[in-house]
């Protein structure tokens, strides 16, 4: 099935027989901190227009070579593909990668929770802890929310500063009860 046909089918499944518009936006997400010893949980989302992705990917792969897939923890610990790099060589490689982000019109949103601090704050708040839920899922939810808010503003550029009055996502309105 072609990509546009697949997007059409997804849209129809959401709308059923109703009229409306469904937008399908490809967002690349990653998380960290899901193992037991992790001090924090994080989630990130990055997106761009397809033409920007193609250019960024070409630049990224060229600068990353001979590494095939970048994992920050492996880079930091000089493990797996990074095991033959000295610290200065690794640092030099990373310094060549970092400028690629502002060079291209990428957008990103990130969320994180320091688990010890979070548990300390919630220790005496069992109801709040239950409502908050799992910090991992909360981070994913925050990242999704920030992505949808950014896209609602037409944000396709990480370099662009937020417009005045748009410094944070709007608080969702509580729906009014419907009388039956």
N, C-alpha and C. Protein backbone atom coordinates (compact mmCIF):
# COMPACT_ATOMS: atom_id res chain seq x y z
N UNK A 1 0.85 -1.18 0.00
CA UNK A 1 0.00 0.00 0.00
C UNK A 1 0.89 1.24 0.00
N UNK A 2 0.59 2.18 -0.87
CA UNK A 2 1.35 3.42 -0.94
C UNK A 2 1.14 4.25 0.32
N UNK A 3 2.08 5.16 0.61
CA UNK A 3 1.98 6.00 1.79
C UNK A 3 0.75 6.87 1.82
N UNK A 4 0.39 7.49 0.66
CA UNK A 4 -0.78 8.35 0.63
C UNK A 4 -2.07 7.55 0.79
N UNK A 5 -2.10 6.33 0.22
CA UNK A 5 -3.27 5.47 0.38
C UNK A 5 -3.41 5.03 1.83
N UNK A 6 -2.27 4.70 2.46
CA UNK A 6 -2.28 4.30 3.86
C UNK A 6 -2.78 5.45 4.74
N UNK A 7 -2.33 6.66 4.47
CA UNK A 7 -2.78 7.83 5.23
C UNK A 7 -4.28 8.03 5.05
N UNK A 8 -4.76 7.82 3.83
CA UNK A 8 -6.19 7.95 3.57
C UNK A 8 -6.98 6.93 4.40
N UNK A 9 -6.51 5.69 4.42
CA UNK A 9 -7.20 4.63 5.17
C UNK A 9 -7.21 4.94 6.67
N UNK A 10 -6.10 5.45 7.20
CA UNK A 10 -6.04 5.82 8.62
C UNK A 10 -7.06 6.93 8.89
N UNK A 11 -7.11 7.92 8.02
CA UNK A 11 -8.06 9.02 8.18
C UNK A 11 -9.50 8.53 8.18
N UNK A 12 -9.83 7.64 7.26
CA UNK A 12 -11.19 7.11 7.18
C UNK A 12 -11.53 6.34 8.45
N UNK A 13 -10.56 5.62 9.02
CA UNK A 13 -10.85 4.85 10.23
C UNK A 13 -11.16 5.77 11.42
N UNK A 14 -10.54 6.93 11.45
CA UNK A 14 -10.82 7.89 12.52
C UNK A 14 -12.16 8.57 12.32
N UNK A 15 -12.48 8.92 11.08
CA UNK A 15 -13.68 9.70 10.81
C UNK A 15 -14.93 8.85 10.61
N UNK A 16 -14.74 7.58 10.26
CA UNK A 16 -15.91 6.76 9.94
C UNK A 16 -16.59 7.33 8.72
N UNK A 17 -17.89 7.56 8.82
CA UNK A 17 -18.65 8.10 7.69
C UNK A 17 -18.86 9.60 7.81
N UNK A 18 -18.22 10.23 8.80
CA UNK A 18 -18.36 11.67 8.97
C UNK A 18 -17.40 12.40 8.06
N UNK A 19 -17.76 13.63 7.72
CA UNK A 19 -16.86 14.48 6.94
C UNK A 19 -15.84 15.10 7.88
N UNK A 20 -14.66 15.36 7.41
CA UNK A 20 -13.66 16.00 8.24
C UNK A 20 -12.28 15.86 7.62
N UNK A 21 -11.30 16.35 8.34
CA UNK A 21 -9.91 16.33 7.87
C UNK A 21 -9.06 15.64 8.94
N UNK A 22 -8.20 14.75 8.49
CA UNK A 22 -7.24 14.10 9.38
C UNK A 22 -5.86 14.35 8.80
N UNK A 23 -4.96 14.85 9.61
CA UNK A 23 -3.58 15.07 9.17
C UNK A 23 -2.70 13.96 9.73
N UNK A 24 -1.86 13.40 8.90
CA UNK A 24 -0.92 12.38 9.34
C UNK A 24 0.47 13.01 9.25
N UNK A 25 1.12 13.10 10.39
CA UNK A 25 2.44 13.74 10.45
C UNK A 25 3.42 12.73 11.02
N UNK A 26 4.51 12.50 10.32
CA UNK A 26 5.52 11.56 10.77
C UNK A 26 6.45 12.25 11.76
N UNK A 27 6.47 11.73 12.98
CA UNK A 27 7.30 12.28 14.05
C UNK A 27 8.20 11.16 14.56
N UNK A 28 9.48 11.42 14.66
CA UNK A 28 10.41 10.43 15.17
C UNK A 28 10.57 10.64 16.66
N UNK A 29 10.34 9.57 17.43
CA UNK A 29 10.40 9.67 18.89
C UNK A 29 11.42 8.69 19.44
N UNK A 30 11.97 9.05 20.60
CA UNK A 30 12.90 8.18 21.30
C UNK A 30 12.72 8.42 22.79
N UNK A 31 13.11 7.43 23.57
CA UNK A 31 13.03 7.57 25.02
C UNK A 31 14.32 7.07 25.62
N UNK A 32 14.49 7.42 26.87
CA UNK A 32 15.65 6.95 27.61
C UNK A 32 15.24 6.83 29.07
N UNK A 33 15.92 5.95 29.78
CA UNK A 33 15.68 5.82 31.20
C UNK A 33 14.67 4.78 31.59
N UNK A 34 14.41 3.83 30.70
CA UNK A 34 13.41 2.83 31.04
C UNK A 34 14.00 1.63 31.78
N UNK A 35 15.31 1.60 31.96
CA UNK A 35 15.92 0.51 32.72
C UNK A 35 15.90 0.87 34.21
N UNK A 36 16.01 -0.13 35.06
CA UNK A 36 15.82 0.04 36.50
C UNK A 36 16.78 1.04 37.15
N UNK A 37 18.00 1.14 36.71
CA UNK A 37 18.99 1.99 37.36
C UNK A 37 18.94 3.44 36.89
N UNK A 38 18.10 3.74 35.93
CA UNK A 38 18.08 5.09 35.35
C UNK A 38 17.64 6.13 36.37
N UNK A 39 18.37 7.25 36.48
CA UNK A 39 17.97 8.31 37.41
C UNK A 39 16.83 9.17 36.87
N UNK A 40 16.61 9.12 35.56
CA UNK A 40 15.59 9.97 34.94
C UNK A 40 14.93 9.23 33.78
N UNK A 41 13.76 9.69 33.43
CA UNK A 41 13.05 9.19 32.26
C UNK A 41 12.87 10.37 31.32
N UNK A 42 13.16 10.17 30.05
CA UNK A 42 13.01 11.25 29.07
C UNK A 42 12.31 10.73 27.83
N UNK A 43 11.71 11.63 27.10
CA UNK A 43 11.08 11.31 25.82
C UNK A 43 11.31 12.50 24.91
N UNK A 44 11.57 12.21 23.65
CA UNK A 44 11.78 13.30 22.70
C UNK A 44 11.05 13.01 21.40
N UNK A 45 10.71 14.07 20.70
CA UNK A 45 10.06 13.96 19.40
C UNK A 45 10.71 14.98 18.46
N UNK A 46 11.02 14.54 17.26
CA UNK A 46 11.65 15.42 16.27
C UNK A 46 10.92 15.22 14.95
N UNK A 47 10.68 16.33 14.24
CA UNK A 47 10.01 16.24 12.96
C UNK A 47 10.51 17.35 12.05
N UNK A 48 10.26 17.16 10.76
CA UNK A 48 10.64 18.16 9.75
C UNK A 48 9.90 17.83 8.47
N UNK A 49 9.93 18.76 7.56
CA UNK A 49 9.36 18.49 6.24
C UNK A 49 10.21 17.42 5.56
N UNK A 50 9.63 16.59 4.68
CA UNK A 50 10.39 15.50 4.03
C UNK A 50 11.67 15.96 3.34
N UNK A 51 11.64 17.09 2.66
CA UNK A 51 12.85 17.57 1.97
C UNK A 51 13.96 17.89 2.98
N UNK A 52 13.58 18.40 4.15
CA UNK A 52 14.56 18.71 5.20
C UNK A 52 15.14 17.41 5.76
N UNK A 53 14.28 16.40 5.99
CA UNK A 53 14.75 15.11 6.51
C UNK A 53 15.80 14.50 5.59
N UNK A 54 15.51 14.55 4.27
CA UNK A 54 16.45 13.94 3.31
C UNK A 54 17.82 14.61 3.40
N UNK A 55 17.84 15.94 3.45
CA UNK A 55 19.12 16.66 3.53
C UNK A 55 19.81 16.41 4.86
N UNK A 56 19.04 16.46 5.96
CA UNK A 56 19.62 16.23 7.28
C UNK A 56 20.19 14.83 7.38
N UNK A 57 19.45 13.83 6.91
CA UNK A 57 19.89 12.44 6.98
C UNK A 57 21.19 12.24 6.21
N UNK A 58 21.29 12.82 5.04
CA UNK A 58 22.53 12.69 4.25
C UNK A 58 23.70 13.31 5.01
N UNK A 59 23.52 14.51 5.56
CA UNK A 59 24.58 15.16 6.33
C UNK A 59 24.94 14.36 7.58
N UNK A 60 23.91 13.85 8.27
CA UNK A 60 24.11 13.09 9.50
C UNK A 60 24.91 11.81 9.23
N UNK A 61 24.51 11.06 8.21
CA UNK A 61 25.21 9.81 7.90
C UNK A 61 26.65 10.06 7.49
N UNK A 62 26.87 11.11 6.75
CA UNK A 62 28.23 11.46 6.34
C UNK A 62 29.09 11.80 7.56
N UNK A 63 28.56 12.63 8.46
CA UNK A 63 29.32 13.04 9.64
C UNK A 63 29.47 11.90 10.65
N UNK A 64 28.51 10.98 10.71
CA UNK A 64 28.54 9.89 11.67
C UNK A 64 29.47 8.76 11.25
N UNK A 65 29.70 8.59 9.97
CA UNK A 65 30.53 7.49 9.46
C UNK A 65 31.84 7.39 10.23
N UNK A 66 32.27 6.22 10.67
CA UNK A 66 31.84 4.86 10.36
C UNK A 66 30.76 4.29 11.30
N UNK A 67 30.25 5.09 12.21
CA UNK A 67 29.18 4.63 13.11
C UNK A 67 27.90 4.51 12.29
N UNK A 68 27.15 3.42 12.47
CA UNK A 68 25.93 3.25 11.68
C UNK A 68 24.70 3.84 12.37
N UNK A 69 24.56 3.63 13.67
CA UNK A 69 23.41 4.15 14.42
C UNK A 69 23.92 4.82 15.68
N UNK A 70 23.49 6.05 15.92
CA UNK A 70 23.96 6.80 17.08
C UNK A 70 23.12 6.47 18.30
N UNK A 71 23.77 5.96 19.34
CA UNK A 71 23.15 5.78 20.65
C UNK A 71 23.99 6.57 21.64
N UNK A 72 23.39 7.56 22.29
CA UNK A 72 24.13 8.45 23.17
C UNK A 72 24.84 7.70 24.28
N UNK A 73 24.18 6.69 24.86
CA UNK A 73 24.81 5.97 25.97
C UNK A 73 26.04 5.20 25.50
N UNK A 74 25.97 4.63 24.30
CA UNK A 74 27.13 3.92 23.76
C UNK A 74 28.25 4.89 23.41
N UNK A 75 27.89 6.03 22.89
CA UNK A 75 28.89 7.06 22.58
C UNK A 75 29.56 7.53 23.86
N UNK A 76 28.75 7.86 24.86
CA UNK A 76 29.29 8.36 26.13
C UNK A 76 30.21 7.33 26.79
N UNK A 77 29.79 6.06 26.78
CA UNK A 77 30.58 5.01 27.43
C UNK A 77 31.63 4.38 26.53
N UNK A 78 31.70 4.86 25.29
CA UNK A 78 32.62 4.30 24.28
C UNK A 78 32.46 2.78 24.21
N UNK A 79 31.24 2.35 23.95
CA UNK A 79 30.90 0.93 23.83
C UNK A 79 30.47 0.62 22.41
N UNK A 80 30.42 -0.67 22.10
CA UNK A 80 30.01 -1.19 20.79
C UNK A 80 30.76 -0.49 19.67
N UNK A 81 30.04 0.22 18.80
CA UNK A 81 30.70 0.85 17.65
C UNK A 81 31.70 1.94 18.06
N UNK A 82 31.60 2.42 19.28
CA UNK A 82 32.47 3.49 19.76
C UNK A 82 33.67 2.97 20.54
N UNK A 83 33.81 1.65 20.69
CA UNK A 83 34.83 1.09 21.57
C UNK A 83 36.27 1.41 21.13
N UNK A 84 36.50 1.62 19.86
CA UNK A 84 37.86 1.91 19.38
C UNK A 84 38.18 3.40 19.33
N UNK A 85 37.24 4.23 19.76
CA UNK A 85 37.47 5.68 19.79
C UNK A 85 38.10 6.07 21.12
N UNK A 86 39.12 6.91 21.07
CA UNK A 86 39.64 7.49 22.30
C UNK A 86 38.65 8.60 22.71
N UNK A 87 38.77 9.08 23.93
CA UNK A 87 37.88 10.18 24.35
C UNK A 87 38.00 11.39 23.42
N UNK A 88 39.22 11.84 23.10
CA UNK A 88 39.33 13.00 22.20
C UNK A 88 38.73 12.72 20.81
N UNK A 89 38.90 11.51 20.29
CA UNK A 89 38.32 11.17 18.99
C UNK A 89 36.79 11.19 19.05
N UNK A 90 36.25 10.60 20.13
CA UNK A 90 34.80 10.60 20.31
C UNK A 90 34.28 12.04 20.42
N UNK A 91 34.94 12.85 21.23
CA UNK A 91 34.50 14.24 21.42
C UNK A 91 34.55 15.02 20.11
N UNK A 92 35.59 14.78 19.32
CA UNK A 92 35.71 15.46 18.02
C UNK A 92 34.57 15.05 17.09
N UNK A 93 34.22 13.76 17.10
CA UNK A 93 33.12 13.26 16.26
C UNK A 93 31.80 13.91 16.69
N UNK A 94 31.54 13.97 17.98
CA UNK A 94 30.30 14.58 18.49
C UNK A 94 30.27 16.06 18.13
N UNK A 95 31.39 16.74 18.24
CA UNK A 95 31.43 18.16 17.90
C UNK A 95 31.14 18.40 16.42
N UNK A 96 31.38 17.40 15.57
CA UNK A 96 31.03 17.52 14.14
C UNK A 96 29.54 17.25 13.91
N UNK A 97 28.93 16.47 14.82
CA UNK A 97 27.50 16.15 14.69
C UNK A 97 26.59 17.29 15.16
N UNK A 98 26.97 17.93 16.24
CA UNK A 98 26.09 18.94 16.87
C UNK A 98 25.66 20.08 15.94
N UNK A 99 26.55 20.63 15.12
CA UNK A 99 26.12 21.74 14.25
C UNK A 99 25.07 21.34 13.21
N UNK A 100 24.85 20.06 12.99
CA UNK A 100 23.87 19.64 11.99
C UNK A 100 22.44 19.96 12.42
N UNK A 101 22.19 20.04 13.72
CA UNK A 101 20.83 20.32 14.18
C UNK A 101 20.39 21.73 13.83
N UNK A 102 21.14 22.76 14.18
CA UNK A 102 20.68 24.11 13.81
C UNK A 102 20.82 24.39 12.31
N UNK A 103 21.63 23.62 11.59
CA UNK A 103 21.81 23.84 10.15
C UNK A 103 20.52 23.57 9.39
N UNK A 104 19.73 22.61 9.85
CA UNK A 104 18.50 22.21 9.16
C UNK A 104 17.28 22.65 9.96
N UNK A 105 16.17 22.81 9.27
CA UNK A 105 14.93 23.28 9.92
C UNK A 105 14.19 22.10 10.56
N UNK A 106 14.79 21.58 11.62
CA UNK A 106 14.17 20.50 12.39
C UNK A 106 13.37 21.10 13.53
N UNK A 107 12.36 20.40 13.97
CA UNK A 107 11.59 20.78 15.15
C UNK A 107 11.73 19.68 16.17
N UNK A 108 11.74 20.05 17.42
CA UNK A 108 11.84 19.03 18.46
C UNK A 108 11.18 19.47 19.74
N UNK A 109 10.67 18.51 20.45
CA UNK A 109 10.09 18.73 21.77
C UNK A 109 10.57 17.60 22.67
N UNK A 110 10.87 17.96 23.91
CA UNK A 110 11.47 17.02 24.83
C UNK A 110 10.80 17.12 26.20
N UNK A 111 10.77 16.02 26.92
CA UNK A 111 10.19 16.00 28.26
C UNK A 111 11.02 15.04 29.11
N UNK A 112 11.10 15.32 30.40
CA UNK A 112 11.85 14.44 31.28
C UNK A 112 11.45 14.60 32.73
N UNK A 113 11.70 13.55 33.49
CA UNK A 113 11.41 13.55 34.92
C UNK A 113 12.59 12.93 35.65
N UNK A 114 13.14 13.63 36.63
CA UNK A 114 14.16 13.05 37.50
C UNK A 114 13.41 12.20 38.53
N UNK A 115 13.61 10.91 38.49
CA UNK A 115 12.77 9.99 39.25
C UNK A 115 12.87 10.14 40.77
N UNK A 116 14.08 10.33 41.31
CA UNK A 116 14.21 10.49 42.76
C UNK A 116 13.49 11.75 43.24
N UNK A 117 13.68 12.84 42.54
CA UNK A 117 13.02 14.10 42.91
C UNK A 117 11.50 13.96 42.78
N UNK A 118 11.07 13.29 41.73
CA UNK A 118 9.64 13.09 41.51
C UNK A 118 9.03 12.27 42.66
N UNK A 119 9.67 11.16 43.01
CA UNK A 119 9.14 10.32 44.08
C UNK A 119 9.16 11.04 45.42
N UNK A 120 10.17 11.86 45.64
CA UNK A 120 10.24 12.64 46.88
C UNK A 120 9.07 13.63 46.95
N UNK A 121 8.77 14.28 45.84
CA UNK A 121 7.64 15.22 45.81
C UNK A 121 6.30 14.51 45.98
N UNK A 122 6.18 13.31 45.45
CA UNK A 122 4.91 12.61 45.46
C UNK A 122 4.73 11.68 46.67
N UNK A 123 5.74 11.56 47.49
CA UNK A 123 5.71 10.62 48.61
C UNK A 123 4.46 10.80 49.47
N UNK A 124 4.09 12.03 49.75
CA UNK A 124 2.94 12.30 50.60
C UNK A 124 1.68 12.62 49.80
N UNK A 125 1.71 12.35 48.52
CA UNK A 125 0.57 12.67 47.65
C UNK A 125 0.13 11.43 46.86
N UNK A 126 -0.37 10.39 47.52
CA UNK A 126 -0.73 9.16 46.80
C UNK A 126 -1.81 9.36 45.73
N UNK A 127 -2.74 10.27 45.96
CA UNK A 127 -3.78 10.52 44.97
C UNK A 127 -3.16 11.17 43.73
N UNK A 128 -2.29 12.15 43.93
CA UNK A 128 -1.62 12.81 42.80
C UNK A 128 -0.74 11.83 42.05
N UNK A 129 -0.05 10.96 42.79
CA UNK A 129 0.81 9.96 42.15
C UNK A 129 -0.02 9.04 41.27
N UNK A 130 -1.18 8.63 41.75
CA UNK A 130 -2.04 7.75 40.96
C UNK A 130 -2.53 8.48 39.71
N UNK A 131 -2.92 9.75 39.85
CA UNK A 131 -3.40 10.53 38.70
C UNK A 131 -2.29 10.77 37.69
N UNK A 132 -1.09 11.02 38.19
CA UNK A 132 0.06 11.29 37.31
C UNK A 132 0.39 10.05 36.49
N UNK A 133 0.36 8.90 37.15
CA UNK A 133 0.66 7.65 36.46
C UNK A 133 2.14 7.42 36.32
N UNK A 134 2.49 6.55 35.43
CA UNK A 134 3.87 6.16 35.18
C UNK A 134 4.63 7.34 34.57
N UNK A 135 5.77 7.74 35.15
CA UNK A 135 6.52 8.88 34.60
C UNK A 135 6.93 8.70 33.13
N UNK A 136 7.20 7.46 32.72
CA UNK A 136 7.56 7.19 31.32
C UNK A 136 6.40 7.60 30.40
N UNK A 137 5.19 7.15 30.72
CA UNK A 137 4.04 7.49 29.88
C UNK A 137 3.71 8.97 29.98
N UNK A 138 3.94 9.56 31.13
CA UNK A 138 3.72 11.00 31.27
C UNK A 138 4.64 11.78 30.34
N UNK A 139 5.90 11.37 30.25
CA UNK A 139 6.86 12.05 29.35
C UNK A 139 6.43 11.92 27.90
N UNK A 140 5.98 10.73 27.51
CA UNK A 140 5.51 10.55 26.13
C UNK A 140 4.30 11.45 25.88
N UNK A 141 3.38 11.49 26.83
CA UNK A 141 2.19 12.33 26.70
C UNK A 141 2.60 13.80 26.56
N UNK A 142 3.52 14.26 27.41
CA UNK A 142 3.98 15.65 27.33
C UNK A 142 4.59 15.94 25.97
N UNK A 143 5.43 15.03 25.48
CA UNK A 143 6.07 15.24 24.18
C UNK A 143 5.01 15.30 23.08
N UNK A 144 4.04 14.37 23.08
CA UNK A 144 2.96 14.40 22.09
C UNK A 144 2.19 15.72 22.16
N UNK A 145 1.88 16.14 23.37
CA UNK A 145 1.12 17.37 23.55
C UNK A 145 1.89 18.57 23.00
N UNK A 146 3.18 18.62 23.27
CA UNK A 146 4.00 19.73 22.77
C UNK A 146 4.09 19.69 21.24
N UNK A 147 4.17 18.48 20.66
CA UNK A 147 4.21 18.36 19.21
C UNK A 147 2.91 18.89 18.61
N UNK A 148 1.77 18.44 19.12
CA UNK A 148 0.50 18.87 18.55
C UNK A 148 0.30 20.38 18.71
N UNK A 149 0.71 20.93 19.86
CA UNK A 149 0.61 22.37 20.07
C UNK A 149 1.49 23.11 19.06
N UNK A 150 2.72 22.65 18.88
CA UNK A 150 3.64 23.30 17.94
C UNK A 150 3.11 23.25 16.53
N UNK A 151 2.58 22.10 16.13
CA UNK A 151 2.06 21.97 14.78
C UNK A 151 0.82 22.83 14.58
N UNK A 152 0.03 23.01 15.63
CA UNK A 152 -1.15 23.87 15.50
C UNK A 152 -0.74 25.32 15.23
N UNK A 153 0.48 25.67 15.59
CA UNK A 153 1.00 27.02 15.32
C UNK A 153 1.77 27.08 14.00
N UNK A 154 1.84 25.92 13.29
CA UNK A 154 2.57 25.88 12.04
C UNK A 154 4.07 25.85 12.24
N UNK A 155 4.53 25.30 13.36
CA UNK A 155 5.95 25.30 13.72
C UNK A 155 6.69 24.16 13.03
N UNK A 156 7.47 24.51 12.02
CA UNK A 156 8.31 23.53 11.35
C UNK A 156 9.77 23.96 11.37
N UNK A 157 10.16 24.73 12.37
CA UNK A 157 11.52 25.24 12.39
C UNK A 157 11.99 25.38 13.83
N UNK A 158 13.02 24.60 14.21
CA UNK A 158 13.55 24.65 15.57
C UNK A 158 14.16 26.01 15.89
N UNK A 159 14.66 26.70 14.87
CA UNK A 159 15.33 27.98 15.10
C UNK A 159 14.35 29.09 15.42
N UNK A 160 13.08 28.89 15.01
CA UNK A 160 12.09 29.94 15.17
C UNK A 160 11.76 30.12 16.66
N UNK A 161 11.73 31.37 17.10
CA UNK A 161 11.37 31.68 18.49
C UNK A 161 9.85 31.62 18.61
N UNK A 162 9.33 31.20 19.79
CA UNK A 162 7.88 31.20 19.97
C UNK A 162 7.33 32.62 19.83
N UNK A 163 6.15 32.71 19.25
CA UNK A 163 5.52 34.02 19.11
C UNK A 163 5.10 34.52 20.48
N UNK A 164 5.08 35.83 20.62
CA UNK A 164 4.66 36.42 21.88
C UNK A 164 3.24 35.95 22.19
N UNK A 165 3.03 35.54 23.43
CA UNK A 165 1.73 35.03 23.82
C UNK A 165 1.56 33.55 23.56
N UNK A 166 2.59 32.90 22.99
CA UNK A 166 2.52 31.46 22.71
C UNK A 166 3.67 30.74 23.39
N UNK A 167 3.98 31.07 24.62
CA UNK A 167 5.13 30.48 25.30
C UNK A 167 4.87 29.09 25.85
N UNK A 168 3.60 28.71 25.98
CA UNK A 168 3.30 27.37 26.47
C UNK A 168 2.00 26.89 25.84
N UNK A 169 1.81 25.57 25.82
CA UNK A 169 0.57 25.07 25.22
C UNK A 169 -0.64 25.53 26.03
N UNK A 170 -1.74 25.75 25.35
CA UNK A 170 -2.92 26.16 26.09
C UNK A 170 -3.41 25.04 26.99
N UNK A 171 -3.98 25.42 28.12
CA UNK A 171 -4.54 24.43 29.03
C UNK A 171 -5.82 23.90 28.40
N UNK A 172 -5.95 22.56 28.31
CA UNK A 172 -7.17 22.02 27.70
C UNK A 172 -8.40 22.43 28.50
N UNK A 173 -9.47 22.77 27.81
CA UNK A 173 -10.71 23.17 28.46
C UNK A 173 -11.48 21.92 28.86
N UNK A 174 -12.08 21.98 30.02
CA UNK A 174 -12.90 20.87 30.47
C UNK A 174 -14.21 20.90 29.69
N UNK A 175 -14.58 19.78 29.06
CA UNK A 175 -15.83 19.80 28.29
C UNK A 175 -17.03 19.96 29.22
N UNK A 176 -18.02 20.69 28.74
CA UNK A 176 -19.24 20.88 29.51
C UNK A 176 -20.08 19.61 29.39
N UNK A 177 -20.78 19.23 30.50
CA UNK A 177 -21.64 18.05 30.40
C UNK A 177 -22.76 18.25 29.40
N UNK A 178 -23.09 17.19 28.72
CA UNK A 178 -24.16 17.24 27.73
C UNK A 178 -25.40 16.60 28.34
N UNK A 179 -26.51 17.33 28.30
CA UNK A 179 -27.74 16.77 28.82
C UNK A 179 -28.35 15.85 27.78
N UNK A 180 -28.82 14.72 28.25
CA UNK A 180 -29.42 13.74 27.33
C UNK A 180 -30.92 13.79 27.44
